[in-house]
Amino acid sequence: MIDLYYWTTPNGHKITLFLEETGTPYKLIPININKGEQFKADFLAVSPNNRIPALVDHAPAGGGKPISVFESGAMLVYLAEKTGKFLPKDGAARADTMQWLFWQMGGLGPMSGQNNHFSNYAVEKLHYAMDRYRNEVNRLYGVMDRRLADRPFLAGEYSIADMASYPWVVPHERQGQKIADFPNLKRWLDAIAARPATVRAYDIVQKVNPGHGGIRTAEERAIMFGQTAASVAAAAKAAQ
């Protein structure tokens, strides 16, 4: 059984997409990041970076003690290797999948996150930052669109690279992007959205976080933004 520490964010969706695709049994443990639950000691024991998602595998391959994994990309690789699905075992196909997974982790996700922050959450509207990140997300969409011109998915077959990228493209309107400008990307997006496992994964949002949305209060803003090592340590102590 997998314990999945989850919240309704793009990185959280990556893992529910995989688990639903493979039918892997899992227990969902919501971590409400707007309320600061990511600073509790029991969660920090699993995810020392106090970020979701994270998992604990109580039945690792080969037996032994439970294994905990944090960082969504590492989690996808771990689960793919455990199940033998959505990640080729070797050769060019594996390298292709891994490079597009790392592309998402190092580019599409962080740039989209910064774009969302400066465009939608920053109190001071810094137009340089807003333009910088919106344009970079636009460039990355172009990279995906060209890649998908002659193949259905990023690495050919549907893989963890697609599961990693898809949740970051779903909110394209919030990212200030016109998906119609990227026809290959739109076709890819629609194809993944139609998969039954994708529907199940996103249905979880309404069960876990019916009021799914952004930062609503000053308290939530203080929890989510501007944390330092000292403030995280204090929050963790207060949450014990």
Protein backbone atom coordinates (compact mmCIF):
# COMPACT_ATOMS: atom_id res chain seq x y z
CA MET A 1 0.00 0.00 0.00
CA ILE A 2 1.16 3.49 -0.87
CA ASP A 3 0.47 6.41 1.48
CA LEU A 4 0.22 9.50 -0.73
CA TYR A 5 0.61 12.87 0.96
CA TYR A 6 -1.27 15.11 -1.43
CA TRP A 7 -2.84 18.46 -2.12
CA THR A 8 -4.69 19.72 -5.17
CA THR A 9 -1.74 21.23 -7.04
CA PRO A 10 -0.12 20.34 -10.36
CA ASN A 11 2.63 18.41 -8.58
CA GLY A 12 0.04 16.54 -6.56
CA HIS A 13 -1.89 15.61 -9.70
CA LYS A 14 1.19 14.02 -11.26
CA ILE A 15 1.13 11.21 -8.74
CA THR A 16 -2.61 10.56 -8.72
CA LEU A 17 -2.42 10.35 -12.52
CA PHE A 18 0.16 7.58 -12.25
CA LEU A 19 -1.57 5.69 -9.45
CA GLU A 20 -4.91 5.78 -11.24
CA GLU A 21 -3.34 4.70 -14.55
CA THR A 22 -1.69 1.68 -12.96
CA GLY A 23 -4.42 0.76 -10.48
CA THR A 24 -1.86 0.84 -7.68
CA PRO A 25 -3.61 0.72 -4.28
CA TYR A 26 -3.02 3.89 -2.30
CA LYS A 27 -4.25 5.78 0.72
CA LEU A 28 -4.72 9.50 0.17
CA ILE A 29 -3.51 11.72 3.02
CA PRO A 30 -4.50 15.35 2.34
CA ILE A 31 -1.99 17.99 3.41
CA ASN A 32 -3.73 21.38 3.37
CA ILE A 33 -0.83 23.63 2.47
CA ASN A 34 -2.94 26.78 2.92
CA LYS A 35 -3.35 25.87 6.59
CA GLY A 36 0.31 25.07 7.14
CA GLU A 37 -0.10 21.31 7.55
CA GLN A 38 3.12 20.82 5.56
CA PHE A 39 5.07 22.00 8.61
CA LYS A 40 3.89 19.26 10.95
CA ALA A 41 6.60 16.97 12.25
CA ASP A 42 5.06 13.76 10.92
CA PHE A 43 4.94 15.19 7.40
CA LEU A 44 8.47 16.62 7.62
CA ALA A 45 9.68 13.13 8.47
CA VAL A 46 8.51 12.08 5.00
CA SER A 47 9.13 15.33 3.10
CA PRO A 48 12.00 17.33 4.66
CA ASN A 49 11.47 20.09 2.08
CA ASN A 50 7.96 20.63 3.52
CA ARG A 51 6.38 20.39 0.08
CA ILE A 52 3.79 18.05 -1.35
CA PRO A 53 3.58 15.46 -2.77
CA ALA A 54 5.39 12.72 -0.88
CA LEU A 55 4.79 9.04 -0.41
CA VAL A 56 5.51 6.10 1.84
CA ASP A 57 5.61 2.66 0.25
CA HIS A 58 4.75 0.06 2.88
CA ALA A 59 5.43 -2.82 0.50
CA PRO A 60 8.60 -1.95 -1.43
CA ALA A 61 9.86 -4.26 -4.14
CA GLY A 62 12.04 -6.90 -2.55
CA GLY A 63 10.51 -6.38 0.87
CA GLY A 64 12.12 -4.60 3.77
CA LYS A 65 11.20 -1.48 5.68
CA PRO A 66 8.82 1.14 4.25
CA ILE A 67 10.42 3.59 1.83
CA SER A 68 9.57 7.28 1.80
CA VAL A 69 10.08 9.45 -1.28
CA PHE A 70 9.59 13.16 -1.84
CA GLU A 71 9.93 15.31 -5.00
CA SER A 72 7.34 14.52 -7.65
CA GLY A 73 9.83 13.56 -10.36
CA ALA A 74 11.63 11.13 -8.08
CA MET A 75 8.27 9.72 -7.02
CA LEU A 76 7.25 9.08 -10.64
CA VAL A 77 10.51 7.28 -11.37
CA TYR A 78 10.20 5.25 -8.16
CA LEU A 79 6.63 4.19 -8.94
CA ALA A 80 7.43 3.47 -12.59
CA GLU A 81 10.32 1.22 -11.62
CA LYS A 82 8.26 -0.50 -8.93
CA THR A 83 5.37 -1.26 -11.30
CA GLY A 84 7.34 -1.64 -14.52
CA LYS A 85 5.02 0.78 -16.28
CA PHE A 86 5.30 4.11 -18.13
CA LEU A 87 9.12 4.17 -18.08
CA PRO A 88 11.15 2.02 -20.50
CA LYS A 89 13.73 -0.12 -18.76
CA ASP A 90 16.73 0.89 -20.84
CA GLY A 91 18.05 2.32 -24.07
CA ALA A 92 17.07 5.36 -26.06
CA ALA A 93 13.40 5.14 -25.05
CA ARG A 94 14.29 5.41 -21.35
CA ALA A 95 16.71 8.29 -21.99
CA ASP A 96 14.02 10.07 -24.01
CA THR A 97 11.46 9.73 -21.22
CA MET A 98 13.91 10.82 -18.55
CA GLN A 99 15.06 13.91 -20.41
CA TRP A 100 11.50 15.14 -20.87
CA LEU A 101 10.71 14.40 -17.23
CA PHE A 102 13.72 16.48 -16.17
CA TRP A 103 12.71 19.17 -18.68
CA GLN A 104 9.42 19.51 -16.85
CA MET A 105 11.01 19.47 -13.41
CA GLY A 106 13.64 22.07 -14.32
CA GLY A 107 11.67 24.24 -16.73
CA LEU A 108 7.95 23.96 -17.32
CA GLY A 109 7.03 23.57 -13.65
CA PRO A 110 9.25 26.25 -12.09
CA MET A 111 8.63 28.79 -14.85
CA SER A 112 4.86 28.23 -14.73
CA GLY A 113 4.96 28.56 -10.95
CA GLN A 114 6.79 31.87 -11.12
CA ASN A 115 4.46 33.10 -13.85
CA ASN A 116 1.44 32.24 -11.72
CA HIS A 117 2.96 33.93 -8.67
CA PHE A 118 3.89 37.25 -10.27
CA SER A 119 0.76 37.45 -12.43
CA ASN A 120 -1.83 36.34 -9.89
CA TYR A 121 -0.47 36.51 -6.34
CA ALA A 122 2.17 39.24 -6.07
CA VAL A 123 0.78 42.32 -4.32
CA GLU A 124 3.13 44.55 -6.27
CA LYS A 125 2.64 44.08 -10.01
CA LEU A 126 6.16 43.95 -11.41
CA HIS A 127 5.65 44.06 -15.16
CA TYR A 128 9.20 42.98 -15.91
CA ALA A 129 8.70 39.78 -13.89
CA MET A 130 5.23 39.22 -15.29
CA ASP A 131 6.45 39.56 -18.88
CA ARG A 132 9.60 37.53 -18.22
CA TYR A 133 7.82 34.45 -16.92
CA ARG A 134 4.77 34.63 -19.19
CA ASN A 135 7.08 34.79 -22.20
CA GLU A 136 9.19 31.92 -20.91
CA VAL A 137 6.09 29.75 -20.44
CA ASN A 138 5.09 30.68 -23.98
CA ARG A 139 8.51 29.57 -25.22
CA LEU A 140 8.21 26.27 -23.37
CA TYR A 141 4.76 25.65 -24.85
CA GLY A 142 6.40 26.16 -28.24
CA VAL A 143 9.03 23.56 -27.37
CA MET A 144 6.29 21.07 -26.54
CA ASP A 145 4.29 21.92 -29.63
CA ARG A 146 7.27 21.25 -31.91
CA ARG A 147 8.10 18.04 -30.07
CA LEU A 148 4.54 16.77 -30.48
CA ALA A 149 4.35 17.53 -34.21
CA ASP A 150 5.30 13.98 -35.20
CA ARG A 151 4.43 11.87 -32.15
CA PRO A 152 1.38 11.46 -29.88
CA PHE A 153 3.26 11.96 -26.59
CA LEU A 154 6.50 13.53 -25.45
CA ALA A 155 8.55 10.34 -25.57
CA GLY A 156 6.44 8.57 -28.18
CA GLU A 157 4.38 6.33 -25.90
CA TYR A 158 2.41 7.74 -22.97
CA SER A 159 4.82 7.97 -20.06
CA ILE A 160 5.70 9.63 -16.77
CA ALA A 161 7.04 12.57 -18.82
CA ASP A 162 3.48 13.31 -19.98
CA MET A 163 2.05 12.80 -16.50
CA ALA A 164 4.56 15.30 -15.15
CA SER A 165 3.84 17.96 -17.77
CA TYR A 166 0.08 17.66 -18.23
CA PRO A 167 -1.02 19.24 -14.90
CA TRP A 168 1.13 22.29 -15.63
CA VAL A 169 -0.53 22.86 -19.01
CA VAL A 170 -4.12 22.39 -17.82
CA PRO A 171 -4.25 25.96 -16.38
CA HIS A 172 -3.03 27.51 -19.66
CA GLU A 173 -5.55 30.36 -19.46
CA ARG A 174 -4.32 31.31 -15.99
CA GLN A 175 -0.83 31.20 -17.44
CA GLY A 176 -1.83 33.83 -20.01
CA GLN A 177 -1.43 31.43 -22.93
CA LYS A 178 -3.67 30.82 -25.95
CA ILE A 179 -3.72 27.07 -26.38
CA ALA A 180 -5.08 27.47 -29.92
CA ASP A 181 -1.68 28.89 -30.87
CA PHE A 182 -0.20 25.44 -30.16
CA PRO A 183 -2.31 22.89 -32.09
CA ASN A 184 -0.09 19.89 -31.38
CA LEU A 185 0.00 20.72 -27.69
CA LYS A 186 -3.79 21.13 -27.65
CA ARG A 187 -4.26 17.73 -29.28
CA TRP A 188 -1.97 16.19 -26.64
CA LEU A 189 -3.81 17.99 -23.85
CA ASP A 190 -7.21 16.81 -25.08
CA ALA A 191 -5.99 13.22 -25.52
CA ILE A 192 -4.73 13.01 -21.94
CA ALA A 193 -7.84 14.72 -20.55
CA ALA A 194 -9.98 12.00 -22.16
CA ARG A 195 -8.14 9.13 -20.47
CA PRO A 196 -10.35 7.51 -17.78
CA ALA A 197 -7.49 7.60 -15.27
CA THR A 198 -7.12 11.35 -15.79
CA VAL A 199 -10.82 11.85 -15.13
CA ARG A 200 -10.56 9.83 -11.91
CA ALA A 201 -7.45 11.69 -10.78
CA TYR A 202 -9.08 15.08 -11.21
CA ASP A 203 -12.33 13.94 -9.61
CA ILE A 204 -10.32 13.67 -6.40
CA VAL A 205 -10.00 17.47 -6.32
CA GLN A 206 -13.69 17.94 -5.56
CA LYS A 207 -13.54 15.38 -2.77
CA VAL A 208 -10.41 16.72 -1.10
CA ASN A 209 -10.67 20.46 -1.78
CA PRO A 210 -14.14 21.45 -3.04
CA GLY A 211 -13.29 25.16 -2.90
CA HIS A 212 -10.17 24.63 -4.99
CA GLY A 213 -8.60 27.98 -5.74
CA GLY A 214 -5.86 30.38 -4.87
CA ILE A 215 -4.68 32.25 -1.80
CA ARG A 216 -7.68 33.91 -0.18
CA THR A 217 -6.54 35.43 3.11
CA ALA A 218 -3.58 37.27 4.61
CA GLU A 219 -2.96 34.26 6.85
CA GLU A 220 -2.74 31.93 3.85
CA ARG A 221 -0.40 34.35 2.11
CA ALA A 222 1.88 34.41 5.15
CA ILE A 223 1.94 30.61 5.23
CA MET A 224 2.58 30.13 1.52
CA PHE A 225 5.01 32.92 0.68
CA GLY A 226 8.16 34.41 2.17
CA GLN A 227 9.15 31.51 4.39
CA THR A 228 12.69 31.39 5.77
CA ALA A 229 14.61 28.66 7.59
CA ALA A 230 13.75 30.31 10.90
CA SER A 231 10.04 30.71 10.16
CA VAL A 232 9.75 27.10 8.97
CA ALA A 233 11.44 25.87 12.14
CA ALA A 234 9.06 27.95 14.25
CA ALA A 235 6.03 26.70 12.32
CA ALA A 236 7.15 23.10 12.70
CA LYS A 237 7.60 23.58 16.45
CA ALA A 238 4.17 25.22 16.77
CA ALA A 239 2.55 22.38 14.79
CA GLN A 240 3.88 19.67 17.11
